[in-house]
Amino acid sequence: MDNIEKLLDEIREDRQFRDTYFTGGFLNNVADIFEKYGFGTTEVYLKGRRERNEGKQANFLLSLLDKFNKYPEIKNRHSIGRMIIKSLISLKRR
């Protein structure tokens, strides 16, 4: 099992993940920001969204950024993080 598979398993087992309803549009926006601008800008964006209707989604994604930080594959290639963020809805179905 590679590191990304471990991360996906960790996400699936996360109670906060299971309890959060995600919208495709919000995930797409966050994924695009993460790929283009990285961790810091994505964190600022999500913290700003916590006060709105996307609060639960934003809180989970902030915790996901912390998980991403542990994986050099994602730190070096933001496109991997983008794919994971965009696939969160389908990960819940498994």
PDB file of N, CA and C in Angstrom:
ATOM      1  N   MET A   1       0.848  -1.176   0.000  1.00  0.00           N
ATOM      2  CA  MET A   1       0.000   0.000   0.000  1.00  0.00           C
ATOM      3  C   MET A   1       0.895   1.242   0.000  1.00  0.00           C
ATOM      4  N   ASP A   2       0.663   2.133  -0.950  1.00  0.00           N
ATOM      5  CA  ASP A   2       1.476   3.341  -0.990  1.00  0.00           C
ATOM      6  C   ASP A   2       0.896   4.415  -0.061  1.00  0.00           C
ATOM      7  N   ASN A   3       1.610   5.521   0.056  1.00  0.00           N
ATOM      8  CA  ASN A   3       1.206   6.577   0.987  1.00  0.00           C
ATOM      9  C   ASN A   3      -0.151   7.179   0.650  1.00  0.00           C
ATOM     10  N   ILE A   4      -0.448   7.346  -0.627  1.00  0.00           N
ATOM     11  CA  ILE A   4      -1.726   7.943  -1.004  1.00  0.00           C
ATOM     12  C   ILE A   4      -2.872   7.012  -0.636  1.00  0.00           C
ATOM     13  N   GLU A   5      -2.691   5.717  -0.812  1.00  0.00           N
ATOM     14  CA  GLU A   5      -3.718   4.756  -0.390  1.00  0.00           C
ATOM     15  C   GLU A   5      -3.931   4.820   1.118  1.00  0.00           C
ATOM     16  N   LYS A   6      -2.847   4.969   1.869  1.00  0.00           N
ATOM     17  CA  LYS A   6      -2.963   5.113   3.330  1.00  0.00           C
ATOM     18  C   LYS A   6      -3.759   6.360   3.680  1.00  0.00           C
ATOM     19  N   LEU A   7      -3.467   7.451   2.981  1.00  0.00           N
ATOM     20  CA  LEU A   7      -4.183   8.699   3.226  1.00  0.00           C
ATOM     21  C   LEU A   7      -5.669   8.538   2.915  1.00  0.00           C
ATOM     22  N   LEU A   8      -5.994   7.898   1.806  1.00  0.00           N
ATOM     23  CA  LEU A   8      -7.404   7.696   1.451  1.00  0.00           C
ATOM     24  C   LEU A   8      -8.124   6.861   2.501  1.00  0.00           C
ATOM     25  N   ASP A   9      -7.462   5.842   3.021  1.00  0.00           N
ATOM     26  CA  ASP A   9      -8.051   5.042   4.100  1.00  0.00           C
ATOM     27  C   ASP A   9      -8.260   5.895   5.352  1.00  0.00           C
ATOM     28  N   GLU A  10      -7.280   6.731   5.655  1.00  0.00           N
ATOM     29  CA  GLU A  10      -7.383   7.620   6.818  1.00  0.00           C
ATOM     30  C   GLU A  10      -8.567   8.577   6.662  1.00  0.00           C
ATOM     31  N   ILE A  11      -8.762   9.087   5.457  1.00  0.00           N
ATOM     32  CA  ILE A  11      -9.889   9.987   5.192  1.00  0.00           C
ATOM     33  C   ILE A  11     -11.206   9.242   5.383  1.00  0.00           C
ATOM     34  N   ARG A  12     -11.313   8.065   4.798  1.00  0.00           N
ATOM     35  CA  ARG A  12     -12.561   7.281   4.895  1.00  0.00           C
ATOM     36  C   ARG A  12     -12.920   6.948   6.339  1.00  0.00           C
ATOM     37  N   GLU A  13     -11.931   6.756   7.186  1.00  0.00           N
ATOM     38  CA  GLU A  13     -12.173   6.401   8.579  1.00  0.00           C
ATOM     39  C   GLU A  13     -12.453   7.611   9.463  1.00  0.00           C
ATOM     40  N   ASP A  14     -12.239   8.797   8.952  1.00  0.00           N
ATOM     41  CA  ASP A  14     -12.403  10.028   9.720  1.00  0.00           C
ATOM     42  C   ASP A  14     -13.885  10.321   9.956  1.00  0.00           C
ATOM     43  N   ARG A  15     -14.267  10.415  11.211  1.00  0.00           N
ATOM     44  CA  ARG A  15     -15.674  10.662  11.561  1.00  0.00           C
ATOM     45  C   ARG A  15     -16.153  12.002  11.022  1.00  0.00           C
ATOM     46  N   GLN A  16     -15.323  13.009  11.098  1.00  0.00           N
ATOM     47  CA  GLN A  16     -15.690  14.332  10.586  1.00  0.00           C
ATOM     48  C   GLN A  16     -15.989  14.252   9.082  1.00  0.00           C
ATOM     49  N   PHE A  17     -15.208  13.466   8.361  1.00  0.00           N
ATOM     50  CA  PHE A  17     -15.446  13.266   6.934  1.00  0.00           C
ATOM     51  C   PHE A  17     -16.811  12.627   6.701  1.00  0.00           C
ATOM     52  N   ARG A  18     -17.100  11.583   7.437  1.00  0.00           N
ATOM     53  CA  ARG A  18     -18.370  10.865   7.258  1.00  0.00           C
ATOM     54  C   ARG A  18     -19.572  11.741   7.612  1.00  0.00           C
ATOM     55  N   ASP A  19     -19.398  12.680   8.536  1.00  0.00           N
ATOM     56  CA  ASP A  19     -20.497  13.526   8.997  1.00  0.00           C
ATOM     57  C   ASP A  19     -20.667  14.818   8.190  1.00  0.00           C
ATOM     58  N   THR A  20     -19.833  15.032   7.197  1.00  0.00           N
ATOM     59  CA  THR A  20     -19.866  16.281   6.444  1.00  0.00           C
ATOM     60  C   THR A  20     -20.508  16.066   5.078  1.00  0.00           C
ATOM     61  N   TYR A  21     -21.437  16.945   4.732  1.00  0.00           N
ATOM     62  CA  TYR A  21     -22.046  16.944   3.410  1.00  0.00           C
ATOM     63  C   TYR A  21     -21.209  17.868   2.530  1.00  0.00           C
ATOM     64  N   PHE A  22     -20.778  17.366   1.389  1.00  0.00           N
ATOM     65  CA  PHE A  22     -19.944  18.143   0.474  1.00  0.00           C
ATOM     66  C   PHE A  22     -20.734  18.540  -0.762  1.00  0.00           C
ATOM     67  N   THR A  23     -20.421  19.714  -1.292  1.00  0.00           N
ATOM     68  CA  THR A  23     -20.983  20.134  -2.569  1.00  0.00           C
ATOM     69  C   THR A  23     -19.871  20.162  -3.605  1.00  0.00           C
ATOM     70  N   GLY A  24     -20.209  19.745  -4.805  1.00  0.00           N
ATOM     71  CA  GLY A  24     -19.216  19.672  -5.872  1.00  0.00           C
ATOM     72  C   GLY A  24     -18.591  21.015  -6.199  1.00  0.00           C
ATOM     73  N   GLY A  25     -19.403  22.046  -6.238  1.00  0.00           N
ATOM     74  CA  GLY A  25     -18.883  23.376  -6.567  1.00  0.00           C
ATOM     75  C   GLY A  25     -17.853  23.865  -5.563  1.00  0.00           C
ATOM     76  N   PHE A  26     -18.153  23.680  -4.290  1.00  0.00           N
ATOM     77  CA  PHE A  26     -17.215  24.111  -3.252  1.00  0.00           C
ATOM     78  C   PHE A  26     -15.911  23.328  -3.355  1.00  0.00           C
ATOM     79  N   LEU A  27     -16.017  22.001  -3.514  1.00  0.00           N
ATOM     80  CA  LEU A  27     -14.803  21.186  -3.626  1.00  0.00           C
ATOM     81  C   LEU A  27     -13.986  21.563  -4.849  1.00  0.00           C
ATOM     82  N   ASN A  28     -14.654  21.843  -5.961  1.00  0.00           N
ATOM     83  CA  ASN A  28     -13.934  22.255  -7.169  1.00  0.00           C
ATOM     84  C   ASN A  28     -13.165  23.547  -6.947  1.00  0.00           C
ATOM     85  N   ASN A  29     -13.801  24.525  -6.288  1.00  0.00           N
ATOM     86  CA  ASN A  29     -13.124  25.795  -6.004  1.00  0.00           C
ATOM     87  C   ASN A  29     -11.893  25.580  -5.134  1.00  0.00           C
ATOM     88  N   VAL A  30     -12.066  24.811  -4.070  1.00  0.00           N
ATOM     89  CA  VAL A  30     -10.953  24.566  -3.146  1.00  0.00           C
ATOM     90  C   VAL A  30      -9.835  23.805  -3.855  1.00  0.00           C
ATOM     91  N   ALA A  31     -10.201  22.812  -4.656  1.00  0.00           N
ATOM     92  CA  ALA A  31      -9.202  22.020  -5.379  1.00  0.00           C
ATOM     93  C   ALA A  31      -8.394  22.905  -6.329  1.00  0.00           C
ATOM     94  N   ASP A  32      -9.079  23.796  -7.030  1.00  0.00           N
ATOM     95  CA  ASP A  32      -8.380  24.695  -7.953  1.00  0.00           C
ATOM     96  C   ASP A  32      -7.434  25.630  -7.211  1.00  0.00           C
ATOM     97  N   ILE A  33      -7.898  26.185  -6.113  1.00  0.00           N
ATOM     98  CA  ILE A  33      -7.054  27.082  -5.319  1.00  0.00           C
ATOM     99  C   ILE A  33      -5.833  26.330  -4.804  1.00  0.00           C
ATOM    100  N   PHE A  34      -6.046  25.119  -4.299  1.00  0.00           N
ATOM    101  CA  PHE A  34      -4.925  24.350  -3.763  1.00  0.00           C
ATOM    102  C   PHE A  34      -3.888  24.059  -4.841  1.00  0.00           C
ATOM    103  N   GLU A  35      -4.345  23.638  -6.003  1.00  0.00           N
ATOM    104  CA  GLU A  35      -3.381  23.299  -7.056  1.00  0.00           C
ATOM    105  C   GLU A  35      -2.607  24.532  -7.525  1.00  0.00           C
ATOM    106  N   LYS A  36      -3.288  25.646  -7.681  1.00  0.00           N
ATOM    107  CA  LYS A  36      -2.644  26.850  -8.215  1.00  0.00           C
ATOM    108  C   LYS A  36      -1.790  27.583  -7.193  1.00  0.00           C
ATOM    109  N   TYR A  37      -2.260  27.656  -5.938  1.00  0.00           N
ATOM    110  CA  TYR A  37      -1.627  28.543  -4.970  1.00  0.00           C
ATOM    111  C   TYR A  37      -1.040  27.850  -3.749  1.00  0.00           C
ATOM    112  N   GLY A  38      -1.401  26.608  -3.501  1.00  0.00           N
ATOM    113  CA  GLY A  38      -0.782  25.873  -2.408  1.00  0.00           C
ATOM    114  C   GLY A  38      -1.499  25.976  -1.074  1.00  0.00           C
ATOM    115  N   PHE A  39      -0.776  25.572  -0.049  1.00  0.00           N
ATOM    116  CA  PHE A  39      -1.332  25.413   1.287  1.00  0.00           C
ATOM    117  C   PHE A  39      -1.806  26.720   1.919  1.00  0.00           C
ATOM    118  N   GLY A  40      -0.969  27.726   1.931  1.00  0.00           N
ATOM    119  CA  GLY A  40      -1.279  28.965   2.641  1.00  0.00           C
ATOM    120  C   GLY A  40      -2.526  29.654   2.125  1.00  0.00           C
ATOM    121  N   THR A  41      -2.612  29.831   0.826  1.00  0.00           N
ATOM    122  CA  THR A  41      -3.762  30.503   0.230  1.00  0.00           C
ATOM    123  C   THR A  41      -5.032  29.689   0.443  1.00  0.00           C
ATOM    124  N   THR A  42      -4.929  28.375   0.327  1.00  0.00           N
ATOM    125  CA  THR A  42      -6.094  27.522   0.547  1.00  0.00           C
ATOM    126  C   THR A  42      -6.566  27.641   1.986  1.00  0.00           C
ATOM    127  N   GLU A  43      -5.638  27.685   2.921  1.00  0.00           N
ATOM    128  CA  GLU A  43      -6.000  27.831   4.332  1.00  0.00           C
ATOM    129  C   GLU A  43      -6.731  29.146   4.579  1.00  0.00           C
ATOM    130  N   VAL A  44      -6.227  30.221   4.013  1.00  0.00           N
ATOM    131  CA  VAL A  44      -6.875  31.527   4.176  1.00  0.00           C
ATOM    132  C   VAL A  44      -8.289  31.499   3.596  1.00  0.00           C
ATOM    133  N   TYR A  45      -8.438  30.927   2.416  1.00  0.00           N
ATOM    134  CA  TYR A  45      -9.750  30.828   1.784  1.00  0.00           C
ATOM    135  C   TYR A  45     -10.724  30.044   2.662  1.00  0.00           C
ATOM    136  N   LEU A  46     -10.269  28.884   3.155  1.00  0.00           N
ATOM    137  CA  LEU A  46     -11.150  28.039   3.969  1.00  0.00           C
ATOM    138  C   LEU A  46     -11.527  28.699   5.285  1.00  0.00           C
ATOM    139  N   LYS A  47     -10.592  29.390   5.905  1.00  0.00           N
ATOM    140  CA  LYS A  47     -10.908  30.089   7.157  1.00  0.00           C
ATOM    141  C   LYS A  47     -11.957  31.170   6.923  1.00  0.00           C
ATOM    142  N   GLY A  48     -11.909  31.806   5.766  1.00  0.00           N
ATOM    143  CA  GLY A  48     -12.921  32.798   5.422  1.00  0.00           C
ATOM    144  C   GLY A  48     -14.284  32.177   5.178  1.00  0.00           C
ATOM    145  N   ARG A  49     -14.319  30.942   4.726  1.00  0.00           N
ATOM    146  CA  ARG A  49     -15.572  30.262   4.410  1.00  0.00           C
ATOM    147  C   ARG A  49     -16.206  29.595   5.629  1.00  0.00           C
ATOM    148  N   ARG A  50     -15.477  29.493   6.717  1.00  0.00           N
ATOM    149  CA  ARG A  50     -16.030  28.849   7.915  1.00  0.00           C
ATOM    150  C   ARG A  50     -17.242  29.576   8.457  1.00  0.00           C
ATOM    151  N   GLU A  51     -17.295  30.866   8.237  1.00  0.00           N
ATOM    152  CA  GLU A  51     -18.383  31.676   8.780  1.00  0.00           C
ATOM    153  C   GLU A  51     -19.635  31.618   7.910  1.00  0.00           C
ATOM    154  N   ARG A  52     -19.574  30.929   6.813  1.00  0.00           N
ATOM    155  CA  ARG A  52     -20.700  30.864   5.892  1.00  0.00           C
ATOM    156  C   ARG A  52     -21.326  29.484   5.920  1.00  0.00           C
ATOM    157  N   ASN A  53     -22.173  29.216   4.967  1.00  0.00           N
ATOM    158  CA  ASN A  53     -22.851  27.923   4.890  1.00  0.00           C
ATOM    159  C   ASN A  53     -21.892  26.764   4.691  1.00  0.00           C
ATOM    160  N   GLU A  54     -20.711  27.044   4.206  1.00  0.00           N
ATOM    161  CA  GLU A  54     -19.731  25.985   3.946  1.00  0.00           C
ATOM    162  C   GLU A  54     -18.880  25.657   5.163  1.00  0.00           C
ATOM    163  N   GLY A  55     -19.298  26.051   6.335  1.00  0.00           N
ATOM    164  CA  GLY A  55     -18.484  25.910   7.537  1.00  0.00           C
ATOM    165  C   GLY A  55     -18.012  24.497   7.822  1.00  0.00           C
ATOM    166  N   LYS A  56     -18.920  23.530   7.742  1.00  0.00           N
ATOM    167  CA  LYS A  56     -18.528  22.139   8.018  1.00  0.00           C
ATOM    168  C   LYS A  56     -17.548  21.631   6.979  1.00  0.00           C
ATOM    169  N   GLN A  57     -17.820  21.952   5.715  1.00  0.00           N
ATOM    170  CA  GLN A  57     -16.907  21.538   4.655  1.00  0.00           C
ATOM    171  C   GLN A  57     -15.538  22.175   4.856  1.00  0.00           C
ATOM    172  N   ALA A  58     -15.536  23.463   5.158  1.00  0.00           N
ATOM    173  CA  ALA A  58     -14.280  24.190   5.335  1.00  0.00           C
ATOM    174  C   ALA A  58     -13.483  23.617   6.502  1.00  0.00           C
ATOM    175  N   ASN A  59     -14.157  23.319   7.606  1.00  0.00           N
ATOM    176  CA  ASN A  59     -13.446  22.763   8.764  1.00  0.00           C
ATOM    177  C   ASN A  59     -12.807  21.419   8.428  1.00  0.00           C
ATOM    178  N   PHE A  60     -13.540  20.559   7.723  1.00  0.00           N
ATOM    179  CA  PHE A  60     -12.938  19.276   7.356  1.00  0.00           C
ATOM    180  C   PHE A  60     -11.753  19.493   6.424  1.00  0.00           C
ATOM    181  N   LEU A  61     -11.912  20.369   5.446  1.00  0.00           N
ATOM    182  CA  LEU A  61     -10.821  20.581   4.493  1.00  0.00           C
ATOM    183  C   LEU A  61      -9.589  21.197   5.151  1.00  0.00           C
ATOM    184  N   LEU A  62      -9.791  22.007   6.182  1.00  0.00           N
ATOM    185  CA  LEU A  62      -8.641  22.513   6.935  1.00  0.00           C
ATOM    186  C   LEU A  62      -7.909  21.361   7.620  1.00  0.00           C
ATOM    187  N   SER A  63      -8.654  20.421   8.171  1.00  0.00           N
ATOM    188  CA  SER A  63      -8.005  19.257   8.789  1.00  0.00           C
ATOM    189  C   SER A  63      -7.346  18.382   7.725  1.00  0.00           C
ATOM    190  N   LEU A  64      -7.937  18.342   6.533  1.00  0.00           N
ATOM    191  CA  LEU A  64      -7.336  17.580   5.438  1.00  0.00           C
ATOM    192  C   LEU A  64      -6.009  18.197   5.003  1.00  0.00           C
ATOM    193  N   LEU A  65      -5.932  19.526   5.006  1.00  0.00           N
ATOM    194  CA  LEU A  65      -4.659  20.185   4.674  1.00  0.00           C
ATOM    195  C   LEU A  65      -3.560  19.752   5.645  1.00  0.00           C
ATOM    196  N   ASP A  66      -3.908  19.625   6.928  1.00  0.00           N
ATOM    197  CA  ASP A  66      -2.932  19.144   7.911  1.00  0.00           C
ATOM    198  C   ASP A  66      -2.458  17.738   7.556  1.00  0.00           C
ATOM    199  N   LYS A  67      -3.381  16.894   7.111  1.00  0.00           N
ATOM    200  CA  LYS A  67      -3.007  15.535   6.698  1.00  0.00           C
ATOM    201  C   LYS A  67      -2.124  15.589   5.454  1.00  0.00           C
ATOM    202  N   PHE A  68      -2.496  16.433   4.496  1.00  0.00           N
ATOM    203  CA  PHE A  68      -1.702  16.571   3.278  1.00  0.00           C
ATOM    204  C   PHE A  68      -0.254  16.947   3.594  1.00  0.00           C
ATOM    205  N   ASN A  69      -0.087  17.774   4.606  1.00  0.00           N
ATOM    206  CA  ASN A  69       1.249  18.263   4.967  1.00  0.00           C
ATOM    207  C   ASN A  69       2.199  17.141   5.382  1.00  0.00           C
ATOM    208  N   LYS A  70       1.658  15.990   5.743  1.00  0.00           N
ATOM    209  CA  LYS A  70       2.478  14.852   6.169  1.00  0.00           C
ATOM    210  C   LYS A  70       2.994  14.036   4.985  1.00  0.00           C
ATOM    211  N   TYR A  71       2.500  14.318   3.783  1.00  0.00           N
ATOM    212  CA  TYR A  71       2.828  13.506   2.621  1.00  0.00           C
ATOM    213  C   TYR A  71       3.641  14.312   1.608  1.00  0.00           C
ATOM    214  N   PRO A  72       4.927  13.957   1.454  1.00  0.00           N
ATOM    215  CA  PRO A  72       5.771  14.697   0.509  1.00  0.00           C
ATOM    216  C   PRO A  72       5.249  14.644  -0.924  1.00  0.00           C
ATOM    217  N   GLU A  73       4.548  13.560  -1.267  1.00  0.00           N
ATOM    218  CA  GLU A  73       3.993  13.455  -2.620  1.00  0.00           C
ATOM    219  C   GLU A  73       3.047  14.615  -2.914  1.00  0.00           C
ATOM    220  N   ILE A  74       2.255  14.990  -1.920  1.00  0.00           N
ATOM    221  CA  ILE A  74       1.284  16.070  -2.100  1.00  0.00           C
ATOM    222  C   ILE A  74       1.965  17.429  -1.953  1.00  0.00           C
ATOM    223  N   LYS A  75       2.909  17.532  -1.045  1.00  0.00           N
ATOM    224  CA  LYS A  75       3.630  18.797  -0.883  1.00  0.00           C
ATOM    225  C   LYS A  75       4.379  19.163  -2.164  1.00  0.00           C
ATOM    226  N   ASN A  76       4.881  18.152  -2.863  1.00  0.00           N
ATOM    227  CA  ASN A  76       5.653  18.400  -4.080  1.00  0.00           C
ATOM    228  C   ASN A  76       4.797  18.475  -5.345  1.00  0.00           C
ATOM    229  N   ARG A  77       3.630  17.863  -5.307  1.00  0.00           N
ATOM    230  CA  ARG A  77       2.740  17.851  -6.478  1.00  0.00           C
ATOM    231  C   ARG A  77       1.319  18.153  -6.019  1.00  0.00           C
ATOM    232  N   HIS A  78       0.974  19.421  -6.041  1.00  0.00           N
ATOM    233  CA  HIS A  78      -0.353  19.844  -5.587  1.00  0.00           C
ATOM    234  C   HIS A  78      -1.471  19.226  -6.403  1.00  0.00           C
ATOM    235  N   SER A  79      -1.164  18.769  -7.610  1.00  0.00           N
ATOM    236  CA  SER A  79      -2.203  18.157  -8.440  1.00  0.00           C
ATOM    237  C   SER A  79      -2.760  16.887  -7.793  1.00  0.00           C
ATOM    238  N   ILE A  80      -1.956  16.195  -6.998  1.00  0.00           N
ATOM    239  CA  ILE A  80      -2.439  15.005  -6.285  1.00  0.00           C
ATOM    240  C   ILE A  80      -3.475  15.425  -5.242  1.00  0.00           C
ATOM    241  N   GLY A  81      -3.176  16.476  -4.502  1.00  0.00           N
ATOM    242  CA  GLY A  81      -4.131  16.994  -3.520  1.00  0.00           C
ATOM    243  C   GLY A  81      -5.408  17.458  -4.184  1.00  0.00           C
ATOM    244  N   ARG A  82      -5.264  18.085  -5.333  1.00  0.00           N
ATOM    245  CA  ARG A  82      -6.436  18.537  -6.093  1.00  0.00           C
ATOM    246  C   ARG A  82      -7.331  17.351  -6.427  1.00  0.00           C
ATOM    247  N   MET A  83      -6.751  16.265  -6.920  1.00  0.00           N
ATOM    248  CA  MET A  83      -7.546  15.090  -7.281  1.00  0.00           C
ATOM    249  C   MET A  83      -8.263  14.504  -6.068  1.00  0.00           C
ATOM    250  N   ILE A  84      -7.581  14.490  -4.932  1.00  0.00           N
ATOM    251  CA  ILE A  84      -8.194  13.941  -3.716  1.00  0.00           C
ATOM    252  C   ILE A  84      -9.367  14.812  -3.281  1.00  0.00           C
ATOM    253  N   ILE A  85      -9.162  16.118  -3.257  1.00  0.00           N
ATOM    254  CA  ILE A  85     -10.238  17.032  -2.851  1.00  0.00           C
ATOM    255  C   ILE A  85     -11.449  16.857  -3.771  1.00  0.00           C
ATOM    256  N   LYS A  86     -11.206  16.812  -5.069  1.00  0.00           N
ATOM    257  CA  LYS A  86     -12.307  16.684  -6.024  1.00  0.00           C
ATOM    258  C   LYS A  86     -13.015  15.341  -5.910  1.00  0.00           C
ATOM    259  N   SER A  87     -12.365  14.337  -5.349  1.00  0.00           N
ATOM    260  CA  SER A  87     -12.965  12.999  -5.276  1.00  0.00           C
ATOM    261  C   SER A  87     -13.624  12.701  -3.931  1.00  0.00           C
ATOM    262  N   LEU A  88     -13.708  13.668  -3.038  1.00  0.00           N
ATOM    263  CA  LEU A  88     -14.243  13.411  -1.699  1.00  0.00           C
ATOM    264  C   LEU A  88     -15.677  12.885  -1.730  1.00  0.00           C
ATOM    265  N   ILE A  89     -16.497  13.397  -2.614  1.00  0.00           N
ATOM    266  CA  ILE A  89     -17.887  12.923  -2.668  1.00  0.00           C
ATOM    267  C   ILE A  89     -17.920  11.453  -3.038  1.00  0.00           C
ATOM    268  N   SER A  90     -17.138  11.052  -4.007  1.00  0.00           N
ATOM    269  CA  SER A  90     -17.139   9.648  -4.413  1.00  0.00           C
ATOM    270  C   SER A  90     -16.476   8.759  -3.363  1.00  0.00           C
ATOM    271  N   LEU A  91     -15.542   9.288  -2.585  1.00  0.00           N
ATOM    272  CA  LEU A  91     -14.923   8.506  -1.508  1.00  0.00           C
ATOM    273  C   LEU A  91     -15.947   8.144  -0.431  1.00  0.00           C
ATOM    274  N   LYS A  92     -16.911   9.001  -0.223  1.00  0.00           N
ATOM    275  CA  LYS A  92     -17.953   8.739   0.789  1.00  0.00           C
ATOM    276  C   LYS A  92     -18.831   7.570   0.384  1.00  0.00           C
ATOM    277  N   ARG A  93     -18.971   7.333  -0.889  1.00  0.00           N
ATOM    278  CA  ARG A  93     -19.860   6.272  -1.383  1.00  0.00           C
ATOM    279  C   ARG A  93     -19.285   4.885  -1.200  1.00  0.00           C
ATOM    280  N   ARG A  94     -18.028   4.781  -0.912  1.00  0.00           N
ATOM    281  CA  ARG A  94     -17.380   3.459  -0.782  1.00  0.00           C
ATOM    282  C   ARG A  94     -17.568   2.904   0.586  1.00  0.00           C
TER     283      ARG A  94
END
